[in-house]
Amino acid sequence: QWQQMAQTDSSADLACTQFDALRGAYLRMVDRSLEPMARLALTLTPAQLQHLQKKYDKNNREFEQKYIRVSDEERLDNLMDRALDRYEPLYGELSNAQLALLRERIRSSPFDAQRVNTERLRRQTDLVRTLRELQAERGTTVATATTALRRWHDRVMQSPLPGFAAYSDTLVRNACEQFAALHNTTTAEQRQHAVRVLKDYELDLRSLTAQH
């Protein structure tokens, strides 16, 4: 389906419809994965939980260095780099006009690094605390651990921070608009590049499915 869609113009509504479909598939995958994740969670050692926290700490330092403790232009440059990591593997090299369009779209986006970081830290703390509580309670069953992880994931999908859910929806809509605006400037060659990339994804997924 995406291979066909890549060959025609898009719109923000169409992009968001595809995002919603992906989110639905993700939630179905999570629902099937929670019990295996719970079984794993009950086997984690204190050293492994400490390793997880150290990994989070490293990621948090990198996030601050790229998006918080920088000037507005440096932040914009880093956001551009992140966007190009998504778009150029799909379309190939972007033209100067496309780069300028993308930069202006990012400049006017509602992205708030501090607000996003606050939610990131909340999710990390929530998960580590949930895992530690499961470890601390002797005789915790897989069913209890599954319920605890489901509640944690519910808080990921619907943050308890006031206003963050609406803000997240705004970010998603903005991303849909950004994607559609850029896609509609792509050349026939860039769209064929996208078709080939998506075809490779399809072949990989079919291969993985065949192995199971």
C-alpha atoms as a PDB file:
ATOM      1  CA  GLN A   1       0.000   0.000   0.000  1.00  0.00           C
ATOM      2  CA  TRP A   2       2.752   2.445   0.918  1.00  0.00           C
ATOM      3  CA  GLN A   3       4.626   1.626  -2.277  1.00  0.00           C
ATOM      4  CA  GLN A   4       1.570   2.779  -4.225  1.00  0.00           C
ATOM      5  CA  MET A   5       1.067   5.842  -2.037  1.00  0.00           C
ATOM      6  CA  ALA A   6       4.719   6.875  -2.427  1.00  0.00           C
ATOM      7  CA  GLN A   7       4.119   7.519  -6.135  1.00  0.00           C
ATOM      8  CA  THR A   8       1.412  10.152  -5.640  1.00  0.00           C
ATOM      9  CA  ASP A   9       1.006  13.367  -3.669  1.00  0.00           C
ATOM     10  CA  SER A  10       0.046  13.131  -0.020  1.00  0.00           C
ATOM     11  CA  SER A  11      -1.732  15.249   2.600  1.00  0.00           C
ATOM     12  CA  ALA A  12      -1.512  15.745   6.340  1.00  0.00           C
ATOM     13  CA  ASP A  13      -4.808  13.907   6.804  1.00  0.00           C
ATOM     14  CA  LEU A  14      -3.573  10.927   4.806  1.00  0.00           C
ATOM     15  CA  ALA A  15      -0.258  10.825   6.666  1.00  0.00           C
ATOM     16  CA  CYS A  16      -2.021  10.969  10.034  1.00  0.00           C
ATOM     17  CA  THR A  17      -4.386   8.195   8.957  1.00  0.00           C
ATOM     18  CA  GLN A  18      -1.372   5.994   8.272  1.00  0.00           C
ATOM     19  CA  PHE A  19       0.162   7.001  11.606  1.00  0.00           C
ATOM     20  CA  ASP A  20      -3.048   6.002  13.399  1.00  0.00           C
ATOM     21  CA  ALA A  21      -2.978   2.630  11.621  1.00  0.00           C
ATOM     22  CA  LEU A  22       0.622   2.102  12.744  1.00  0.00           C
ATOM     23  CA  ARG A  23      -0.241   3.083  16.294  1.00  0.00           C
ATOM     24  CA  GLY A  24      -3.065   0.542  16.290  1.00  0.00           C
ATOM     25  CA  ALA A  25      -0.701  -2.188  15.081  1.00  0.00           C
ATOM     26  CA  TYR A  26       1.835  -1.169  17.722  1.00  0.00           C
ATOM     27  CA  LEU A  27      -0.769  -1.421  20.485  1.00  0.00           C
ATOM     28  CA  ARG A  28      -1.800  -4.890  19.308  1.00  0.00           C
ATOM     29  CA  MET A  29       1.862  -5.939  19.356  1.00  0.00           C
ATOM     30  CA  VAL A  30       2.320  -4.548  22.865  1.00  0.00           C
ATOM     31  CA  ASP A  31      -0.768  -6.379  24.077  1.00  0.00           C
ATOM     32  CA  ARG A  32       0.751  -9.668  22.914  1.00  0.00           C
ATOM     33  CA  SER A  33       4.202  -8.818  24.266  1.00  0.00           C
ATOM     34  CA  LEU A  34       3.343  -7.746  27.804  1.00  0.00           C
ATOM     35  CA  GLU A  35       3.255 -11.236  29.320  1.00  0.00           C
ATOM     36  CA  PRO A  36       6.667 -12.256  27.897  1.00  0.00           C
ATOM     37  CA  MET A  37       8.017  -8.888  29.034  1.00  0.00           C
ATOM     38  CA  ALA A  38       6.610  -9.523  32.506  1.00  0.00           C
ATOM     39  CA  ARG A  39       8.322 -12.912  32.679  1.00  0.00           C
ATOM     40  CA  LEU A  40      11.594 -11.242  31.775  1.00  0.00           C
ATOM     41  CA  ALA A  41      11.043  -8.396  34.251  1.00  0.00           C
ATOM     42  CA  LEU A  42      10.754 -10.870  37.117  1.00  0.00           C
ATOM     43  CA  THR A  43      14.206 -12.289  36.304  1.00  0.00           C
ATOM     44  CA  LEU A  44      16.086  -8.972  36.185  1.00  0.00           C
ATOM     45  CA  THR A  45      18.902  -8.572  38.693  1.00  0.00           C
ATOM     46  CA  PRO A  46      19.770  -5.403  40.630  1.00  0.00           C
ATOM     47  CA  ALA A  47      22.868  -5.070  38.436  1.00  0.00           C
ATOM     48  CA  GLN A  48      20.722  -5.174  35.290  1.00  0.00           C
ATOM     49  CA  LEU A  49      18.380  -2.530  36.642  1.00  0.00           C
ATOM     50  CA  GLN A  50      21.402  -0.393  37.478  1.00  0.00           C
ATOM     51  CA  HIS A  51      22.657  -0.881  33.919  1.00  0.00           C
ATOM     52  CA  LEU A  52      19.271   0.293  32.618  1.00  0.00           C
ATOM     53  CA  GLN A  53      19.466   3.424  34.750  1.00  0.00           C
ATOM     54  CA  LYS A  54      23.001   4.156  33.542  1.00  0.00           C
ATOM     55  CA  LYS A  55      21.809   3.811  29.950  1.00  0.00           C
ATOM     56  CA  TYR A  56      19.014   6.260  30.627  1.00  0.00           C
ATOM     57  CA  ASP A  57      21.476   8.672  32.259  1.00  0.00           C
ATOM     58  CA  LYS A  58      23.731   8.548  29.197  1.00  0.00           C
ATOM     59  CA  ASN A  59      20.794   9.148  26.836  1.00  0.00           C
ATOM     60  CA  ASN A  60      19.588  12.025  28.984  1.00  0.00           C
ATOM     61  CA  ARG A  61      22.962  13.743  28.863  1.00  0.00           C
ATOM     62  CA  GLU A  62      22.989  13.410  25.081  1.00  0.00           C
ATOM     63  CA  PHE A  63      19.449  14.801  24.816  1.00  0.00           C
ATOM     64  CA  GLU A  64      20.377  17.823  26.920  1.00  0.00           C
ATOM     65  CA  GLN A  65      23.528  18.425  24.885  1.00  0.00           C
ATOM     66  CA  LYS A  66      21.593  18.358  21.604  1.00  0.00           C
ATOM     67  CA  TYR A  67      18.311  20.025  22.470  1.00  0.00           C
ATOM     68  CA  ILE A  68      18.448  21.902  25.791  1.00  0.00           C
ATOM     69  CA  ARG A  69      21.910  23.267  26.615  1.00  0.00           C
ATOM     70  CA  VAL A  70      22.319  24.774  23.144  1.00  0.00           C
ATOM     71  CA  SER A  71      21.388  27.905  21.216  1.00  0.00           C
ATOM     72  CA  ASP A  72      18.217  27.984  19.121  1.00  0.00           C
ATOM     73  CA  GLU A  73      20.214  27.588  15.902  1.00  0.00           C
ATOM     74  CA  GLU A  74      22.240  24.685  17.290  1.00  0.00           C
ATOM     75  CA  ARG A  75      19.012  22.994  18.370  1.00  0.00           C
ATOM     76  CA  LEU A  76      17.598  23.565  14.893  1.00  0.00           C
ATOM     77  CA  ASP A  77      20.707  22.043  13.309  1.00  0.00           C
ATOM     78  CA  ASN A  78      20.388  18.960  15.499  1.00  0.00           C
ATOM     79  CA  LEU A  79      16.692  18.604  14.716  1.00  0.00           C
ATOM     80  CA  MET A  80      17.553  18.883  11.021  1.00  0.00           C
ATOM     81  CA  ASP A  81      20.101  16.100  11.372  1.00  0.00           C
ATOM     82  CA  ARG A  82      17.494  13.906  13.039  1.00  0.00           C
ATOM     83  CA  ALA A  83      14.949  14.659  10.302  1.00  0.00           C
ATOM     84  CA  LEU A  84      17.457  13.869   7.554  1.00  0.00           C
ATOM     85  CA  ASP A  85      18.195  10.544   9.224  1.00  0.00           C
ATOM     86  CA  ARG A  86      14.525   9.729   8.594  1.00  0.00           C
ATOM     87  CA  TYR A  87      13.959  11.266   5.166  1.00  0.00           C
ATOM     88  CA  GLU A  88      17.150  10.651   3.201  1.00  0.00           C
ATOM     89  CA  PRO A  89      17.156   6.838   3.612  1.00  0.00           C
ATOM     90  CA  LEU A  90      13.652   6.944   2.116  1.00  0.00           C
ATOM     91  CA  TYR A  91      14.052   9.498  -0.661  1.00  0.00           C
ATOM     92  CA  GLY A  92      17.791   9.724  -1.192  1.00  0.00           C
ATOM     93  CA  GLU A  93      19.609  13.056  -1.150  1.00  0.00           C
ATOM     94  CA  LEU A  94      17.343  16.082  -0.774  1.00  0.00           C
ATOM     95  CA  SER A  95      17.707  19.191  -2.930  1.00  0.00           C
ATOM     96  CA  ASN A  96      18.658  22.583  -1.547  1.00  0.00           C
ATOM     97  CA  ALA A  97      15.048  23.726  -1.916  1.00  0.00           C
ATOM     98  CA  GLN A  98      13.820  20.684  -0.018  1.00  0.00           C
ATOM     99  CA  LEU A  99      16.373  21.244   2.717  1.00  0.00           C
ATOM    100  CA  ALA A 100      15.234  24.864   3.031  1.00  0.00           C
ATOM    101  CA  LEU A 101      11.587  23.803   3.226  1.00  0.00           C
ATOM    102  CA  LEU A 102      12.349  21.200   5.862  1.00  0.00           C
ATOM    103  CA  ARG A 103      14.393  23.652   7.914  1.00  0.00           C
ATOM    104  CA  GLU A 104      11.575  26.208   7.928  1.00  0.00           C
ATOM    105  CA  ARG A 105       9.050  23.535   8.875  1.00  0.00           C
ATOM    106  CA  ILE A 106      11.204  22.484  11.806  1.00  0.00           C
ATOM    107  CA  ARG A 107      11.827  26.096  12.821  1.00  0.00           C
ATOM    108  CA  SER A 108       8.066  26.720  13.078  1.00  0.00           C
ATOM    109  CA  SER A 109       7.236  23.406  14.767  1.00  0.00           C
ATOM    110  CA  PRO A 110       5.767  23.315  18.305  1.00  0.00           C
ATOM    111  CA  PHE A 111       8.639  21.153  19.559  1.00  0.00           C
ATOM    112  CA  ASP A 112       9.501  22.151  23.142  1.00  0.00           C
ATOM    113  CA  ALA A 113      12.677  20.386  24.238  1.00  0.00           C
ATOM    114  CA  GLN A 114      12.184  21.052  27.939  1.00  0.00           C
ATOM    115  CA  ARG A 115       8.597  19.827  27.884  1.00  0.00           C
ATOM    116  CA  VAL A 116       9.527  16.700  25.946  1.00  0.00           C
ATOM    117  CA  ASN A 117      12.422  16.031  28.294  1.00  0.00           C
ATOM    118  CA  THR A 118      10.192  16.301  31.345  1.00  0.00           C
ATOM    119  CA  GLU A 119       7.969  13.586  29.913  1.00  0.00           C
ATOM    120  CA  ARG A 120      10.965  11.451  28.940  1.00  0.00           C
ATOM    121  CA  LEU A 121      12.289  11.578  32.490  1.00  0.00           C
ATOM    122  CA  ARG A 122       8.847  10.808  33.920  1.00  0.00           C
ATOM    123  CA  ARG A 123       8.536   7.678  31.752  1.00  0.00           C
ATOM    124  CA  GLN A 124      12.007   6.479  32.663  1.00  0.00           C
ATOM    125  CA  THR A 125      11.474   6.980  36.372  1.00  0.00           C
ATOM    126  CA  ASP A 126       8.077   5.298  36.137  1.00  0.00           C
ATOM    127  CA  LEU A 127       9.496   2.213  34.424  1.00  0.00           C
ATOM    128  CA  VAL A 128      12.490   1.822  36.736  1.00  0.00           C
ATOM    129  CA  ARG A 129      10.253   2.240  39.779  1.00  0.00           C
ATOM    130  CA  THR A 130       7.764  -0.300  38.423  1.00  0.00           C
ATOM    131  CA  LEU A 131      10.524  -2.842  37.793  1.00  0.00           C
ATOM    132  CA  ARG A 132      12.074  -2.296  41.208  1.00  0.00           C
ATOM    133  CA  GLU A 133       8.700  -2.755  42.894  1.00  0.00           C
ATOM    134  CA  LEU A 134       8.189  -6.039  41.053  1.00  0.00           C
ATOM    135  CA  GLN A 135      11.605  -7.185  42.238  1.00  0.00           C
ATOM    136  CA  ALA A 136      10.939  -6.122  45.830  1.00  0.00           C
ATOM    137  CA  GLU A 137       7.682  -8.038  46.212  1.00  0.00           C
ATOM    138  CA  ARG A 138       8.410 -11.681  46.888  1.00  0.00           C
ATOM    139  CA  GLY A 139       6.254 -14.165  45.064  1.00  0.00           C
ATOM    140  CA  THR A 140       5.060 -11.707  42.421  1.00  0.00           C
ATOM    141  CA  THR A 141       3.131 -13.642  39.788  1.00  0.00           C
ATOM    142  CA  VAL A 142       3.441 -13.197  36.040  1.00  0.00           C
ATOM    143  CA  ALA A 143      -0.178 -12.003  35.976  1.00  0.00           C
ATOM    144  CA  THR A 144       0.569  -9.295  38.560  1.00  0.00           C
ATOM    145  CA  ALA A 145       3.704  -8.222  36.713  1.00  0.00           C
ATOM    146  CA  THR A 146       1.797  -8.114  33.408  1.00  0.00           C
ATOM    147  CA  THR A 147      -0.838  -5.860  34.960  1.00  0.00           C
ATOM    148  CA  ALA A 148       1.844  -3.555  36.376  1.00  0.00           C
ATOM    149  CA  LEU A 149       3.569  -3.247  32.998  1.00  0.00           C
ATOM    150  CA  ARG A 150       0.243  -2.663  31.257  1.00  0.00           C
ATOM    151  CA  ARG A 151      -0.491   0.210  33.627  1.00  0.00           C
ATOM    152  CA  TRP A 152       2.979   1.628  33.001  1.00  0.00           C
ATOM    153  CA  HIS A 153       2.444   1.456  29.244  1.00  0.00           C
ATOM    154  CA  ASP A 154      -0.974   3.080  29.597  1.00  0.00           C
ATOM    155  CA  ARG A 155       0.811   5.983  31.274  1.00  0.00           C
ATOM    156  CA  VAL A 156       3.235   6.123  28.348  1.00  0.00           C
ATOM    157  CA  MET A 157       0.395   6.345  25.855  1.00  0.00           C
ATOM    158  CA  GLN A 158      -1.616   8.790  27.973  1.00  0.00           C
ATOM    159  CA  SER A 159       0.731  10.849  30.114  1.00  0.00           C
ATOM    160  CA  PRO A 160      -0.563  11.962  33.513  1.00  0.00           C
ATOM    161  CA  LEU A 161       1.287  15.271  33.088  1.00  0.00           C
ATOM    162  CA  PRO A 162      -1.344  18.007  32.629  1.00  0.00           C
ATOM    163  CA  GLY A 163      -1.719  19.030  29.005  1.00  0.00           C
ATOM    164  CA  PHE A 164       0.899  16.650  27.608  1.00  0.00           C
ATOM    165  CA  ALA A 165      -1.580  14.417  25.761  1.00  0.00           C
ATOM    166  CA  ALA A 166      -2.939  17.401  23.824  1.00  0.00           C
ATOM    167  CA  TYR A 167       0.602  18.631  23.193  1.00  0.00           C
ATOM    168  CA  SER A 168       1.590  15.193  21.892  1.00  0.00           C
ATOM    169  CA  ASP A 169      -1.347  15.238  19.481  1.00  0.00           C
ATOM    170  CA  THR A 170      -0.181  18.639  18.245  1.00  0.00           C
ATOM    171  CA  LEU A 171       3.313  17.266  17.600  1.00  0.00           C
ATOM    172  CA  VAL A 172       1.899  14.328  15.659  1.00  0.00           C
ATOM    173  CA  ARG A 173      -0.257  16.588  13.504  1.00  0.00           C
ATOM    174  CA  ASN A 174       2.706  18.849  12.831  1.00  0.00           C
ATOM    175  CA  ALA A 175       4.807  15.839  11.812  1.00  0.00           C
ATOM    176  CA  CYS A 176       2.075  14.734   9.407  1.00  0.00           C
ATOM    177  CA  GLU A 177       2.008  18.203   7.861  1.00  0.00           C
ATOM    178  CA  GLN A 178       5.796  18.263   7.593  1.00  0.00           C
ATOM    179  CA  PHE A 179       5.937  14.862   5.907  1.00  0.00           C
ATOM    180  CA  ALA A 180       3.199  15.708   3.393  1.00  0.00           C
ATOM    181  CA  ALA A 181       4.761  19.068   2.535  1.00  0.00           C
ATOM    182  CA  LEU A 182       8.151  17.488   1.863  1.00  0.00           C
ATOM    183  CA  HIS A 183       6.762  14.460   0.038  1.00  0.00           C
ATOM    184  CA  ASN A 184       4.822  16.688  -2.337  1.00  0.00           C
ATOM    185  CA  THR A 185       8.084  18.314  -3.473  1.00  0.00           C
ATOM    186  CA  THR A 186       9.796  15.013  -4.298  1.00  0.00           C
ATOM    187  CA  THR A 187      10.784  14.185  -7.847  1.00  0.00           C
ATOM    188  CA  ALA A 188       9.802  11.067  -9.769  1.00  0.00           C
ATOM    189  CA  GLU A 189      13.280   9.701  -9.095  1.00  0.00           C
ATOM    190  CA  GLN A 190      12.983  10.304  -5.354  1.00  0.00           C
ATOM    191  CA  ARG A 191       9.578   8.627  -5.289  1.00  0.00           C
ATOM    192  CA  GLN A 192      10.937   5.600  -7.094  1.00  0.00           C
ATOM    193  CA  HIS A 193      13.746   5.499  -4.544  1.00  0.00           C
ATOM    194  CA  ALA A 194      11.076   5.415  -1.830  1.00  0.00           C
ATOM    195  CA  VAL A 195       9.252   2.594  -3.617  1.00  0.00           C
ATOM    196  CA  ARG A 196      12.438   0.530  -3.746  1.00  0.00           C
ATOM    197  CA  VAL A 197      13.152   1.124  -0.057  1.00  0.00           C
ATOM    198  CA  LEU A 198       9.603   0.167   0.916  1.00  0.00           C
ATOM    199  CA  LYS A 199       9.821  -2.931  -1.273  1.00  0.00           C
ATOM    200  CA  ASP A 200      12.975  -3.964   0.578  1.00  0.00           C
ATOM    201  CA  TYR A 201      11.109  -3.502   3.884  1.00  0.00           C
ATOM    202  CA  GLU A 202       8.319  -5.707   2.553  1.00  0.00           C
ATOM    203  CA  LEU A 203      10.762  -8.442   1.538  1.00  0.00           C
ATOM    204  CA  ASP A 204      12.471  -8.299   4.937  1.00  0.00           C
ATOM    205  CA  LEU A 205       9.150  -8.574   6.759  1.00  0.00           C
ATOM    206  CA  ARG A 206       8.015 -11.475   4.575  1.00  0.00           C
ATOM    207  CA  SER A 207      11.302 -13.245   5.235  1.00  0.00           C
ATOM    208  CA  LEU A 208      10.956 -12.770   8.983  1.00  0.00           C
ATOM    209  CA  THR A 209       7.355 -13.947   8.896  1.00  0.00           C
ATOM    210  CA  ALA A 210       8.345 -17.082   6.977  1.00  0.00           C
ATOM    211  CA  GLN A 211      10.856 -17.955   9.694  1.00  0.00           C
ATOM    212  CA  HIS A 212       8.053 -18.122  12.254  1.00  0.00           C
END
